[in-house]
């Protein structure tokens, strides 16, 4: 018999919310690493905690992370200088 489905809604208890965030962040980083190894994929993962702390993961090198940042900035921050 498997686990029941978790109802997705905001966790009201601050401590429980932080514990859940920490556990799920760890699981997400593990899955990103697994898909990278199994499929030889380049992965860049950016996660911000509720307090604003940055967590990042990238495979092979940080160049993937910087490529993403460069592409994101170029595609979302185009200014018209006319």
PDB file of N, CA and C in Angstrom:
ATOM      1  N   UNK A   1       0.843  -1.183   0.000  1.00  0.00           N
ATOM      2  CA  UNK A   1       0.000   0.000   0.000  1.00  0.00           C
ATOM      3  C   UNK A   1       0.881   1.236   0.000  1.00  0.00           C
ATOM      4  N   UNK A   2       0.634   2.164  -0.917  1.00  0.00           N
ATOM      5  CA  UNK A   2       1.449   3.361  -1.050  1.00  0.00           C
ATOM      6  C   UNK A   2       0.983   4.492  -0.145  1.00  0.00           C
ATOM      7  N   UNK A   3       1.712   5.550  -0.208  1.00  0.00           N
ATOM      8  CA  UNK A   3       1.362   6.733   0.569  1.00  0.00           C
ATOM      9  C   UNK A   3       0.169   7.441  -0.050  1.00  0.00           C
ATOM     10  N   UNK A   4      -0.541   8.162   0.790  1.00  0.00           N
ATOM     11  CA  UNK A   4      -1.652   8.960   0.286  1.00  0.00           C
ATOM     12  C   UNK A   4      -1.142  10.213  -0.403  1.00  0.00           C
ATOM     13  N   UNK A   5      -1.981  10.821  -1.157  1.00  0.00           N
ATOM     14  CA  UNK A   5      -1.624  12.032  -1.875  1.00  0.00           C
ATOM     15  C   UNK A   5      -1.587  13.216  -0.920  1.00  0.00           C
ATOM     16  N   UNK A   6      -0.568  14.051  -1.046  1.00  0.00           N
ATOM     17  CA  UNK A   6      -0.439  15.224  -0.197  1.00  0.00           C
ATOM     18  C   UNK A   6      -1.241  16.359  -0.813  1.00  0.00           C
ATOM     19  N   UNK A   7      -2.103  16.958  -0.015  1.00  0.00           N
ATOM     20  CA  UNK A   7      -2.872  18.093  -0.501  1.00  0.00           C
ATOM     21  C   UNK A   7      -1.947  19.307  -0.568  1.00  0.00           C
ATOM     22  N   UNK A   8      -1.858  19.933  -1.721  1.00  0.00           N
ATOM     23  CA  UNK A   8      -0.970  21.070  -1.891  1.00  0.00           C
ATOM     24  C   UNK A   8      -1.656  22.353  -1.451  1.00  0.00           C
ATOM     25  N   UNK A   9      -1.228  22.841  -0.320  1.00  0.00           N
ATOM     26  CA  UNK A   9      -1.674  24.130   0.183  1.00  0.00           C
ATOM     27  C   UNK A   9      -0.581  24.651   1.088  1.00  0.00           C
ATOM     28  N   UNK A  10      -0.592  25.932   1.341  1.00  0.00           N
ATOM     29  CA  UNK A  10       0.439  26.568   2.152  1.00  0.00           C
ATOM     30  C   UNK A  10       0.437  25.981   3.555  1.00  0.00           C
ATOM     31  N   UNK A  11       1.628  25.678   4.057  1.00  0.00           N
ATOM     32  CA  UNK A  11       1.767  25.181   5.421  1.00  0.00           C
ATOM     33  C   UNK A  11       1.774  26.397   6.342  1.00  0.00           C
ATOM     34  N   UNK A  12       0.843  26.448   7.243  1.00  0.00           N
ATOM     35  CA  UNK A  12       0.687  27.627   8.098  1.00  0.00           C
ATOM     36  C   UNK A  12       1.743  27.715   9.199  1.00  0.00           C
ATOM     37  N   UNK A  13       2.144  26.578   9.743  1.00  0.00           N
ATOM     38  CA  UNK A  13       3.137  26.564  10.810  1.00  0.00           C
ATOM     39  C   UNK A  13       4.513  26.887  10.226  1.00  0.00           C
ATOM     40  N   UNK A  14       5.134  27.960  10.708  1.00  0.00           N
ATOM     41  CA  UNK A  14       6.394  28.453  10.143  1.00  0.00           C
ATOM     42  C   UNK A  14       7.516  27.418  10.253  1.00  0.00           C
ATOM     43  N   UNK A  15       7.614  26.744  11.381  1.00  0.00           N
ATOM     44  CA  UNK A  15       8.677  25.753  11.574  1.00  0.00           C
ATOM     45  C   UNK A  15       8.466  24.560  10.651  1.00  0.00           C
ATOM     46  N   UNK A  16       7.241  24.062  10.572  1.00  0.00           N
ATOM     47  CA  UNK A  16       6.941  22.944   9.675  1.00  0.00           C
ATOM     48  C   UNK A  16       7.194  23.324   8.224  1.00  0.00           C
ATOM     49  N   UNK A  17       6.867  24.557   7.868  1.00  0.00           N
ATOM     50  CA  UNK A  17       7.089  25.038   6.502  1.00  0.00           C
ATOM     51  C   UNK A  17       8.578  25.052   6.166  1.00  0.00           C
ATOM     52  N   UNK A  18       9.412  25.500   7.119  1.00  0.00           N
ATOM     53  CA  UNK A  18      10.858  25.544   6.891  1.00  0.00           C
ATOM     54  C   UNK A  18      11.438  24.135   6.775  1.00  0.00           C
ATOM     55  N   UNK A  19      10.991  23.234   7.618  1.00  0.00           N
ATOM     56  CA  UNK A  19      11.463  21.847   7.562  1.00  0.00           C
ATOM     57  C   UNK A  19      11.079  21.211   6.231  1.00  0.00           C
ATOM     58  N   UNK A  20       9.843  21.423   5.804  1.00  0.00           N
ATOM     59  CA  UNK A  20       9.381  20.881   4.525  1.00  0.00           C
ATOM     60  C   UNK A  20      10.176  21.466   3.368  1.00  0.00           C
ATOM     61  N   UNK A  21      10.430  22.764   3.411  1.00  0.00           N
ATOM     62  CA  UNK A  21      11.224  23.404   2.352  1.00  0.00           C
ATOM     63  C   UNK A  21      12.610  22.769   2.273  1.00  0.00           C
ATOM     64  N   UNK A  22      13.238  22.608   3.418  1.00  0.00           N
ATOM     65  CA  UNK A  22      14.588  22.051   3.458  1.00  0.00           C
ATOM     66  C   UNK A  22      14.623  20.628   2.901  1.00  0.00           C
ATOM     67  N   UNK A  23      13.679  19.792   3.312  1.00  0.00           N
ATOM     68  CA  UNK A  23      13.635  18.407   2.832  1.00  0.00           C
ATOM     69  C   UNK A  23      13.347  18.347   1.342  1.00  0.00           C
ATOM     70  N   UNK A  24      12.391  19.131   0.883  1.00  0.00           N
ATOM     71  CA  UNK A  24      12.030  19.094  -0.542  1.00  0.00           C
ATOM     72  C   UNK A  24      13.128  19.702  -1.410  1.00  0.00           C
ATOM     73  N   UNK A  25      13.829  20.711  -0.896  1.00  0.00           N
ATOM     74  CA  UNK A  25      14.953  21.295  -1.631  1.00  0.00           C
ATOM     75  C   UNK A  25      16.033  20.243  -1.818  1.00  0.00           C
ATOM     76  N   UNK A  26      16.328  19.500  -0.766  1.00  0.00           N
ATOM     77  CA  UNK A  26      17.327  18.439  -0.843  1.00  0.00           C
ATOM     78  C   UNK A  26      16.918  17.391  -1.868  1.00  0.00           C
ATOM     79  N   UNK A  27      15.642  17.001  -1.847  1.00  0.00           N
ATOM     80  CA  UNK A  27      15.140  16.028  -2.811  1.00  0.00           C
ATOM     81  C   UNK A  27      15.209  16.539  -4.240  1.00  0.00           C
ATOM     82  N   UNK A  28      14.905  17.815  -4.423  1.00  0.00           N
ATOM     83  CA  UNK A  28      14.955  18.412  -5.752  1.00  0.00           C
ATOM     84  C   UNK A  28      16.384  18.441  -6.289  1.00  0.00           C
ATOM     85  N   UNK A  29      17.339  18.808  -5.432  1.00  0.00           N
ATOM     86  CA  UNK A  29      18.743  18.818  -5.842  1.00  0.00           C
ATOM     87  C   UNK A  29      19.215  17.403  -6.186  1.00  0.00           C
ATOM     88  N   UNK A  30      18.761  16.410  -5.419  1.00  0.00           N
ATOM     89  CA  UNK A  30      19.124  15.023  -5.691  1.00  0.00           C
ATOM     90  C   UNK A  30      18.575  14.578  -7.038  1.00  0.00           C
ATOM     91  N   UNK A  31      17.317  14.915  -7.324  1.00  0.00           N
ATOM     92  CA  UNK A  31      16.709  14.548  -8.609  1.00  0.00           C
ATOM     93  C   UNK A  31      17.418  15.239  -9.776  1.00  0.00           C
ATOM     94  N   UNK A  32      17.803  16.490  -9.590  1.00  0.00           N
ATOM     95  CA  UNK A  32      18.523  17.208 -10.645  1.00  0.00           C
ATOM     96  C   UNK A  32      19.851  16.521 -10.936  1.00  0.00           C
ATOM     97  N   UNK A  33      20.545  16.112  -9.898  1.00  0.00           N
ATOM     98  CA  UNK A  33      21.811  15.415 -10.077  1.00  0.00           C
ATOM     99  C   UNK A  33      21.593  14.069 -10.772  1.00  0.00           C
ATOM    100  N   UNK A  34      20.542  13.346 -10.382  1.00  0.00           N
ATOM    101  CA  UNK A  34      20.261  12.047 -10.979  1.00  0.00           C
ATOM    102  C   UNK A  34      19.962  12.155 -12.468  1.00  0.00           C
ATOM    103  N   UNK A  35      19.134  13.123 -12.849  1.00  0.00           N
ATOM    104  CA  UNK A  35      18.795  13.260 -14.273  1.00  0.00           C
ATOM    105  C   UNK A  35      20.027  13.681 -15.073  1.00  0.00           C
ATOM    106  N   UNK A  36      20.893  14.446 -14.447  1.00  0.00           N
ATOM    107  CA  UNK A  36      22.131  14.842 -15.105  1.00  0.00           C
ATOM    108  C   UNK A  36      23.019  13.635 -15.382  1.00  0.00           C
ATOM    109  N   UNK A  37      23.171  12.778 -14.394  1.00  0.00           N
ATOM    110  CA  UNK A  37      24.027  11.598 -14.540  1.00  0.00           C
ATOM    111  C   UNK A  37      23.408  10.591 -15.502  1.00  0.00           C
ATOM    112  N   UNK A  38      22.124  10.299 -15.334  1.00  0.00           N
ATOM    113  CA  UNK A  38      21.476   9.274 -16.145  1.00  0.00           C
ATOM    114  C   UNK A  38      21.337   9.665 -17.611  1.00  0.00           C
ATOM    115  N   UNK A  39      21.055  10.932 -17.866  1.00  0.00           N
ATOM    116  CA  UNK A  39      20.749  11.369 -19.230  1.00  0.00           C
ATOM    117  C   UNK A  39      21.822  12.256 -19.829  1.00  0.00           C
ATOM    118  N   UNK A  40      22.908  12.456 -19.110  1.00  0.00           N
ATOM    119  CA  UNK A  40      23.996  13.324 -19.558  1.00  0.00           C
ATOM    120  C   UNK A  40      23.465  14.703 -19.952  1.00  0.00           C
ATOM    121  N   UNK A  41      22.568  15.216 -19.122  1.00  0.00           N
ATOM    122  CA  UNK A  41      21.947  16.515 -19.386  1.00  0.00           C
ATOM    123  C   UNK A  41      22.666  17.604 -18.602  1.00  0.00           C
ATOM    124  N   UNK A  42      22.682  18.796 -19.160  1.00  0.00           N
ATOM    125  CA  UNK A  42      23.201  19.956 -18.449  1.00  0.00           C
ATOM    126  C   UNK A  42      22.051  20.557 -17.652  1.00  0.00           C
ATOM    127  N   UNK A  43      22.238  20.698 -16.355  1.00  0.00           N
ATOM    128  CA  UNK A  43      21.180  21.162 -15.469  1.00  0.00           C
ATOM    129  C   UNK A  43      21.641  22.416 -14.743  1.00  0.00           C
ATOM    130  N   UNK A  44      20.766  23.393 -14.679  1.00  0.00           N
ATOM    131  CA  UNK A  44      20.979  24.574 -13.837  1.00  0.00           C
ATOM    132  C   UNK A  44      19.699  24.770 -13.037  1.00  0.00           C
ATOM    133  N   UNK A  45      19.826  24.823 -11.723  1.00  0.00           N
ATOM    134  CA  UNK A  45      18.671  24.912 -10.843  1.00  0.00           C
ATOM    135  C   UNK A  45      18.884  26.077  -9.885  1.00  0.00           C
ATOM    136  N   UNK A  46      17.894  26.946  -9.795  1.00  0.00           N
ATOM    137  CA  UNK A  46      17.951  28.098  -8.895  1.00  0.00           C
ATOM    138  C   UNK A  46      16.730  28.033  -7.990  1.00  0.00           C
ATOM    139  N   UNK A  47      16.959  28.089  -6.684  1.00  0.00           N
ATOM    140  CA  UNK A  47      15.870  28.047  -5.706  1.00  0.00           C
ATOM    141  C   UNK A  47      16.096  29.168  -4.698  1.00  0.00           C
ATOM    142  N   UNK A  48      15.055  29.944  -4.443  1.00  0.00           N
ATOM    143  CA  UNK A  48      15.101  30.964  -3.412  1.00  0.00           C
ATOM    144  C   UNK A  48      14.239  30.512  -2.244  1.00  0.00           C
ATOM    145  N   UNK A  49      14.789  30.597  -1.042  1.00  0.00           N
ATOM    146  CA  UNK A  49      14.025  30.235   0.152  1.00  0.00           C
ATOM    147  C   UNK A  49      13.017  31.331   0.450  1.00  0.00           C
ATOM    148  N   UNK A  50      12.048  31.052   1.327  1.00  0.00           N
ATOM    149  CA  UNK A  50      11.087  32.092   1.701  1.00  0.00           C
ATOM    150  C   UNK A  50      11.757  33.328   2.304  1.00  0.00           C
ATOM    151  N   UNK A  51      12.930  33.146   2.892  1.00  0.00           N
ATOM    152  CA  UNK A  51      13.653  34.292   3.462  1.00  0.00           C
ATOM    153  C   UNK A  51      14.530  34.989   2.437  1.00  0.00           C
ATOM    154  N   UNK A  52      14.572  34.457   1.205  1.00  0.00           N
ATOM    155  CA  UNK A  52      15.323  35.090   0.131  1.00  0.00           C
ATOM    156  C   UNK A  52      16.712  34.530  -0.088  1.00  0.00           C
ATOM    157  N   UNK A  53      17.086  33.487   0.628  1.00  0.00           N
ATOM    158  CA  UNK A  53      18.401  32.881   0.457  1.00  0.00           C
ATOM    159  C   UNK A  53      18.442  32.095  -0.853  1.00  0.00           C
ATOM    160  N   UNK A  54      19.546  32.230  -1.573  1.00  0.00           N
ATOM    161  CA  UNK A  54      19.714  31.582  -2.870  1.00  0.00           C
ATOM    162  C   UNK A  54      20.385  30.228  -2.710  1.00  0.00           C
ATOM    163  N   UNK A  55      19.823  29.218  -3.382  1.00  0.00           N
ATOM    164  CA  UNK A  55      20.424  27.896  -3.483  1.00  0.00           C
ATOM    165  C   UNK A  55      20.545  27.602  -4.960  1.00  0.00           C
ATOM    166  N   UNK A  56      21.711  27.159  -5.389  1.00  0.00           N
ATOM    167  CA  UNK A  56      21.910  26.884  -6.808  1.00  0.00           C
ATOM    168  C   UNK A  56      22.602  25.543  -7.002  1.00  0.00           C
ATOM    169  N   UNK A  57      22.337  24.964  -8.154  1.00  0.00           N
ATOM    170  CA  UNK A  57      22.968  23.712  -8.538  1.00  0.00           C
ATOM    171  C   UNK A  57      23.193  23.765 -10.037  1.00  0.00           C
ATOM    172  N   UNK A  58      24.382  23.407 -10.469  1.00  0.00           N
ATOM    173  CA  UNK A  58      24.625  23.284 -11.900  1.00  0.00           C
ATOM    174  C   UNK A  58      25.600  22.145 -12.136  1.00  0.00           C
ATOM    175  N   UNK A  59      25.421  21.478 -13.254  1.00  0.00           N
ATOM    176  CA  UNK A  59      26.256  20.341 -13.586  1.00  0.00           C
ATOM    177  C   UNK A  59      27.464  20.785 -14.387  1.00  0.00           C
ATOM    178  N   UNK A  60      28.482  19.972 -14.349  1.00  0.00           N
ATOM    179  CA  UNK A  60      29.709  20.133 -15.128  1.00  0.00           C
ATOM    180  C   UNK A  60      30.493  21.381 -14.753  1.00  0.00           C
ATOM    181  N   UNK A  61      29.862  22.523 -14.792  1.00  0.00           N
ATOM    182  CA  UNK A  61      30.561  23.759 -14.434  1.00  0.00           C
ATOM    183  C   UNK A  61      29.530  24.844 -14.182  1.00  0.00           C
ATOM    184  N   UNK A  62      29.981  25.942 -13.707  1.00  0.00           N
ATOM    185  CA  UNK A  62      29.081  27.065 -13.468  1.00  0.00           C
ATOM    186  C   UNK A  62      28.723  27.783 -14.769  1.00  0.00           C
ATOM    187  N   UNK A  63      29.362  27.401 -15.869  1.00  0.00           N
ATOM    188  CA  UNK A  63      29.088  28.092 -17.125  1.00  0.00           C
ATOM    189  C   UNK A  63      27.618  27.953 -17.532  1.00  0.00           C
ATOM    190  N   UNK A  64      26.983  26.836 -17.208  1.00  0.00           N
ATOM    191  CA  UNK A  64      25.570  26.643 -17.533  1.00  0.00           C
ATOM    192  C   UNK A  64      24.734  27.680 -16.797  1.00  0.00           C
ATOM    193  N   UNK A  65      25.041  27.853 -15.519  1.00  0.00           N
ATOM    194  CA  UNK A  65      24.329  28.822 -14.699  1.00  0.00           C
ATOM    195  C   UNK A  65      24.498  30.225 -15.270  1.00  0.00           C
ATOM    196  N   UNK A  66      25.717  30.584 -15.648  1.00  0.00           N
ATOM    197  CA  UNK A  66      25.970  31.915 -16.186  1.00  0.00           C
ATOM    198  C   UNK A  66      25.341  32.093 -17.568  1.00  0.00           C
ATOM    199  N   UNK A  67      25.308  31.022 -18.373  1.00  0.00           N
ATOM    200  CA  UNK A  67      24.643  31.100 -19.672  1.00  0.00           C
ATOM    201  C   UNK A  67      23.165  31.392 -19.486  1.00  0.00           C
ATOM    202  N   UNK A  68      22.548  30.716 -18.514  1.00  0.00           N
ATOM    203  CA  UNK A  68      21.133  30.952 -18.243  1.00  0.00           C
ATOM    204  C   UNK A  68      20.909  32.396 -17.813  1.00  0.00           C
ATOM    205  N   UNK A  69      21.725  32.884 -16.898  1.00  0.00           N
ATOM    206  CA  UNK A  69      21.579  34.261 -16.420  1.00  0.00           C
ATOM    207  C   UNK A  69      21.723  35.248 -17.568  1.00  0.00           C
ATOM    208  N   UNK A  70      22.693  35.009 -18.444  1.00  0.00           N
ATOM    209  CA  UNK A  70      22.913  35.886 -19.590  1.00  0.00           C
ATOM    210  C   UNK A  70      21.697  35.879 -20.514  1.00  0.00           C
ATOM    211  N   UNK A  71      21.183  34.689 -20.818  1.00  0.00           N
ATOM    212  CA  UNK A  71      20.014  34.592 -21.700  1.00  0.00           C
ATOM    213  C   UNK A  71      18.778  35.219 -21.058  1.00  0.00           C
ATOM    214  N   UNK A  72      18.598  35.000 -19.767  1.00  0.00           N
ATOM    215  CA  UNK A  72      17.448  35.560 -19.060  1.00  0.00           C
ATOM    216  C   UNK A  72      17.502  37.077 -19.078  1.00  0.00           C
ATOM    217  N   UNK A  73      18.646  37.636 -18.766  1.00  0.00           N
ATOM    218  CA  UNK A  73      18.787  39.096 -18.736  1.00  0.00           C
ATOM    219  C   UNK A  73      18.559  39.684 -20.127  1.00  0.00           C
ATOM    220  N   UNK A  74      19.128  39.053 -21.140  1.00  0.00           N
ATOM    221  CA  UNK A  74      18.965  39.566 -22.502  1.00  0.00           C
ATOM    222  C   UNK A  74      17.533  39.480 -22.994  1.00  0.00           C
ATOM    223  N   UNK A  75      16.802  38.440 -22.596  1.00  0.00           N
ATOM    224  CA  UNK A  75      15.449  38.288 -23.100  1.00  0.00           C
ATOM    225  C   UNK A  75      14.412  39.058 -22.286  1.00  0.00           C
ATOM    226  N   UNK A  76      14.704  39.383 -21.033  1.00  0.00           N
ATOM    227  CA  UNK A  76      13.721  40.038 -20.174  1.00  0.00           C
ATOM    228  C   UNK A  76      14.051  41.497 -19.851  1.00  0.00           C
ATOM    229  N   UNK A  77      15.215  41.942 -20.201  1.00  0.00           N
ATOM    230  CA  UNK A  77      15.619  43.288 -19.805  1.00  0.00           C
ATOM    231  C   UNK A  77      16.072  44.091 -21.017  1.00  0.00           C
ATOM    232  N   UNK A  78      15.275  44.087 -22.056  1.00  0.00           N
ATOM    233  CA  UNK A  78      15.631  44.861 -23.243  1.00  0.00           C
ATOM    234  C   UNK A  78      15.018  46.252 -23.115  1.00  0.00           C
ATOM    235  N   UNK A  79      15.886  47.228 -23.125  1.00  0.00           N
ATOM    236  CA  UNK A  79      15.455  48.610 -22.974  1.00  0.00           C
ATOM    237  C   UNK A  79      15.455  49.312 -24.319  1.00  0.00           C
ATOM    238  N   UNK A  80      14.474  50.151 -24.524  1.00  0.00           N
ATOM    239  CA  UNK A  80      14.425  50.966 -25.726  1.00  0.00           C
ATOM    240  C   UNK A  80      15.096  52.286 -25.408  1.00  0.00           C
ATOM    241  N   UNK A  81      16.223  52.542 -26.039  1.00  0.00           N
ATOM    242  CA  UNK A  81      17.010  53.747 -25.739  1.00  0.00           C
ATOM    243  C   UNK A  81      16.671  54.905 -26.670  1.00  0.00           C
ATOM    244  N   UNK A  82      15.583  54.820 -27.431  1.00  0.00           N
ATOM    245  CA  UNK A  82      15.213  55.907 -28.351  1.00  0.00           C
ATOM    246  C   UNK A  82      14.669  57.100 -27.582  1.00  0.00           C
TER     247      UNK A  82
END
